[in-house]
C-alpha atoms as a PDB file:
ATOM      1  CA  UNK A   1    -117.022-122.010 211.502  1.00  0.00           C
ATOM      2  CA  UNK A   2    -120.050-120.133 212.795  1.00  0.00           C
ATOM      3  CA  UNK A   3    -121.920-117.570 210.747  1.00  0.00           C
ATOM      4  CA  UNK A   4    -122.315-114.227 212.433  1.00  0.00           C
ATOM      5  CA  UNK A   5    -125.435-112.270 211.663  1.00  0.00           C
ATOM      6  CA  UNK A   6    -126.256-108.702 212.543  1.00  0.00           C
ATOM      7  CA  UNK A   7    -129.702-107.657 213.607  1.00  0.00           C
ATOM      8  CA  UNK A   8    -131.202-104.300 214.232  1.00  0.00           C
ATOM      9  CA  UNK A   9    -134.506-103.753 215.969  1.00  0.00           C
ATOM     10  CA  UNK A  10    -136.262-100.413 215.994  1.00  0.00           C
ATOM     11  CA  UNK A  11    -139.537 -99.952 217.798  1.00  0.00           C
ATOM     12  CA  UNK A  12    -141.584 -96.902 217.059  1.00  0.00           C
ATOM     13  CA  UNK A  13    -144.072 -96.209 219.773  1.00  0.00           C
ATOM     14  CA  UNK A  14    -146.910 -94.533 217.966  1.00  0.00           C
ATOM     15  CA  UNK A  15    -149.020 -94.162 221.082  1.00  0.00           C
ATOM     16  CA  UNK A  16    -152.085 -92.055 220.384  1.00  0.00           C
ATOM     17  CA  UNK A  17    -151.230 -92.108 216.676  1.00  0.00           C
ATOM     18  CA  UNK A  18    -154.634 -93.686 216.011  1.00  0.00           C
ATOM     19  CA  UNK A  19    -156.198 -90.448 217.280  1.00  0.00           C
ATOM     20  CA  UNK A  20    -154.255 -88.340 214.801  1.00  0.00           C
ATOM     21  CA  UNK A  21    -154.984 -90.074 211.486  1.00  0.00           C
ATOM     22  CA  UNK A  22    -156.767 -87.475 209.296  1.00  0.00           C
ATOM     23  CA  UNK A  23    -159.922 -89.002 207.787  1.00  0.00           C
ATOM     24  CA  UNK A  24    -159.481 -87.303 204.411  1.00  0.00           C
ATOM     25  CA  UNK A  25    -155.931 -88.646 203.956  1.00  0.00           C
ATOM     26  CA  UNK A  26    -156.933 -92.113 205.188  1.00  0.00           C
ATOM     27  CA  UNK A  27    -159.769 -92.279 202.654  1.00  0.00           C
ATOM     28  CA  UNK A  28    -157.292 -91.310 199.893  1.00  0.00           C
ATOM     29  CA  UNK A  29    -154.922 -94.118 200.937  1.00  0.00           C
ATOM     30  CA  UNK A  30    -157.809 -96.596 201.084  1.00  0.00           C
ATOM     31  CA  UNK A  31    -158.701 -95.676 197.492  1.00  0.00           C
ATOM     32  CA  UNK A  32    -155.042 -96.136 196.410  1.00  0.00           C
ATOM     33  CA  UNK A  33    -155.210 -99.669 197.829  1.00  0.00           C
ATOM     34  CA  UNK A  34    -158.096-100.443 195.489  1.00  0.00           C
ATOM     35  CA  UNK A  35    -160.892-100.198 198.049  1.00  0.00           C
ATOM     36  CA  UNK A  36    -163.744 -98.390 196.389  1.00  0.00           C
ATOM     37  CA  UNK A  37    -167.428 -98.405 195.760  1.00  0.00           C
ATOM     38  CA  UNK A  38    -169.830 -99.325 198.518  1.00  0.00           C
ATOM     39  CA  UNK A  39    -167.113-100.507 200.940  1.00  0.00           C
ATOM     40  CA  UNK A  40    -165.250 -97.187 200.656  1.00  0.00           C
ATOM     41  CA  UNK A  41    -168.495 -95.280 201.269  1.00  0.00           C
ATOM     42  CA  UNK A  42    -169.264 -97.397 204.343  1.00  0.00           C
ATOM     43  CA  UNK A  43    -165.796 -96.788 205.809  1.00  0.00           C
ATOM     44  CA  UNK A  44    -165.960 -93.079 204.974  1.00  0.00           C
ATOM     45  CA  UNK A  45    -169.379 -92.692 206.604  1.00  0.00           C
ATOM     46  CA  UNK A  46    -168.262 -94.705 209.639  1.00  0.00           C
ATOM     47  CA  UNK A  47    -165.243 -92.420 210.117  1.00  0.00           C
ATOM     48  CA  UNK A  48    -166.840 -89.099 209.288  1.00  0.00           C
ATOM     49  CA  UNK A  49    -170.206 -89.445 210.989  1.00  0.00           C
ATOM     50  CA  UNK A  50    -168.749 -89.096 214.503  1.00  0.00           C
ATOM     51  CA  UNK A  51    -169.226 -86.028 216.682  1.00  0.00           C
ATOM     52  CA  UNK A  52    -168.078 -85.107 220.156  1.00  0.00           C
ATOM     53  CA  UNK A  53    -168.352 -82.454 222.823  1.00  0.00           C
ATOM     54  CA  UNK A  54    -166.642 -81.783 226.123  1.00  0.00           C
ATOM     55  CA  UNK A  55    -167.871 -80.999 229.612  1.00  0.00           C
ATOM     56  CA  UNK A  56    -165.757 -78.742 231.844  1.00  0.00           C
ATOM     57  CA  UNK A  57    -166.983 -77.806 235.306  1.00  0.00           C
ATOM     58  CA  UNK A  58    -170.505 -78.856 234.367  1.00  0.00           C
ATOM     59  CA  UNK A  59    -170.642 -76.694 231.224  1.00  0.00           C
ATOM     60  CA  UNK A  60    -171.055 -78.464 227.899  1.00  0.00           C
ATOM     61  CA  UNK A  61    -169.535 -77.314 224.646  1.00  0.00           C
ATOM     62  CA  UNK A  62    -171.369 -77.547 221.363  1.00  0.00           C
ATOM     63  CA  UNK A  63    -171.152 -80.685 219.233  1.00  0.00           C
ATOM     64  CA  UNK A  64    -168.208 -80.766 216.814  1.00  0.00           C
ATOM     65  CA  UNK A  65    -167.387 -83.143 213.973  1.00  0.00           C
ATOM     66  CA  UNK A  66    -164.433 -85.457 214.565  1.00  0.00           C
ATOM     67  CA  UNK A  67    -161.977 -84.912 211.686  1.00  0.00           C
ATOM     68  CA  UNK A  68    -159.281 -87.403 212.632  1.00  0.00           C
ATOM     69  CA  UNK A  69    -158.757 -90.667 214.427  1.00  0.00           C
ATOM     70  CA  UNK A  70    -159.782 -94.269 213.993  1.00  0.00           C
ATOM     71  CA  UNK A  71    -162.378 -95.497 216.514  1.00  0.00           C
ATOM     72  CA  UNK A  72    -160.468 -97.616 219.012  1.00  0.00           C
ATOM     73  CA  UNK A  73    -161.430-101.173 219.864  1.00  0.00           C
ATOM     74  CA  UNK A  74    -163.119-101.439 216.470  1.00  0.00           C
ATOM     75  CA  UNK A  75    -162.678-104.383 214.142  1.00  0.00           C
ATOM     76  CA  UNK A  76    -161.082-102.195 211.451  1.00  0.00           C
ATOM     77  CA  UNK A  77    -158.793-100.209 213.747  1.00  0.00           C
ATOM     78  CA  UNK A  78    -155.545-102.113 213.142  1.00  0.00           C
ATOM     79  CA  UNK A  79    -156.160-102.657 209.428  1.00  0.00           C
ATOM     80  CA  UNK A  80    -156.932 -98.998 208.693  1.00  0.00           C
ATOM     81  CA  UNK A  81    -153.903 -97.817 210.625  1.00  0.00           C
ATOM     82  CA  UNK A  82    -151.621-100.259 208.764  1.00  0.00           C
ATOM     83  CA  UNK A  83    -152.984 -98.975 205.453  1.00  0.00           C
ATOM     84  CA  UNK A  84    -152.237 -95.451 206.635  1.00  0.00           C
ATOM     85  CA  UNK A  85    -148.604 -96.143 207.651  1.00  0.00           C
ATOM     86  CA  UNK A  86    -147.799 -98.528 204.770  1.00  0.00           C
ATOM     87  CA  UNK A  87    -145.690 -95.944 202.897  1.00  0.00           C
ATOM     88  CA  UNK A  88    -143.392 -95.226 205.877  1.00  0.00           C
ATOM     89  CA  UNK A  89    -140.809 -97.742 204.683  1.00  0.00           C
ATOM     90  CA  UNK A  90    -140.523 -96.837 200.994  1.00  0.00           C
ATOM     91  CA  UNK A  91    -136.941 -95.574 201.403  1.00  0.00           C
ATOM     92  CA  UNK A  92    -135.728 -98.372 203.711  1.00  0.00           C
ATOM     93  CA  UNK A  93    -133.617-100.997 201.950  1.00  0.00           C
ATOM     94  CA  UNK A  94    -133.803-103.752 204.592  1.00  0.00           C
ATOM     95  CA  UNK A  95    -136.738-105.890 205.651  1.00  0.00           C
ATOM     96  CA  UNK A  96    -139.187-103.992 207.823  1.00  0.00           C
ATOM     97  CA  UNK A  97    -141.939-105.554 209.868  1.00  0.00           C
ATOM     98  CA  UNK A  98    -144.857-103.385 210.910  1.00  0.00           C
ATOM     99  CA  UNK A  99    -147.828-104.082 213.083  1.00  0.00           C
ATOM    100  CA  UNK A 100    -150.395-101.926 214.778  1.00  0.00           C
ATOM    101  CA  UNK A 101    -151.999-103.161 217.932  1.00  0.00           C
ATOM    102  CA  UNK A 102    -152.597-102.442 221.574  1.00  0.00           C
ATOM    103  CA  UNK A 103    -151.967-106.076 222.384  1.00  0.00           C
ATOM    104  CA  UNK A 104    -148.643-107.754 223.087  1.00  0.00           C
ATOM    105  CA  UNK A 105    -147.525-109.451 219.898  1.00  0.00           C
ATOM    106  CA  UNK A 106    -144.376-111.542 219.433  1.00  0.00           C
ATOM    107  CA  UNK A 107    -141.896-109.872 217.118  1.00  0.00           C
ATOM    108  CA  UNK A 108    -138.706-110.665 215.269  1.00  0.00           C
ATOM    109  CA  UNK A 109    -135.881-108.455 214.144  1.00  0.00           C
ATOM    110  CA  UNK A 110    -134.678-108.156 210.573  1.00  0.00           C
ATOM    111  CA  UNK A 111    -131.241-109.549 209.721  1.00  0.00           C
ATOM    112  CA  UNK A 112    -128.832-106.960 208.366  1.00  0.00           C
ATOM    113  CA  UNK A 113    -126.569-107.780 205.396  1.00  0.00           C
END
């Protein structure tokens, strides 16, 4: 007799989600994960010390502080985003696998009871 198993795979495409992570909320979640002291200050300064401006038809805007987003292609990018989305699955009863990356990563689906 063969055992039949049910699987369900859901893929959430959070494209550009890295750009929308509010720094203030991310710092709060980092603190809740026990990251504090000098390391928290370094991460906070790294996130909040960025500024940007735009150029349209040769005219430059003024410099503005960047209030959200994790710098892409950084060493901490994937880790910080995973910390930020960690609470998404609190109400899900089955196994949930999460990863954050721009790279192709092998995946597996969770078996349903």
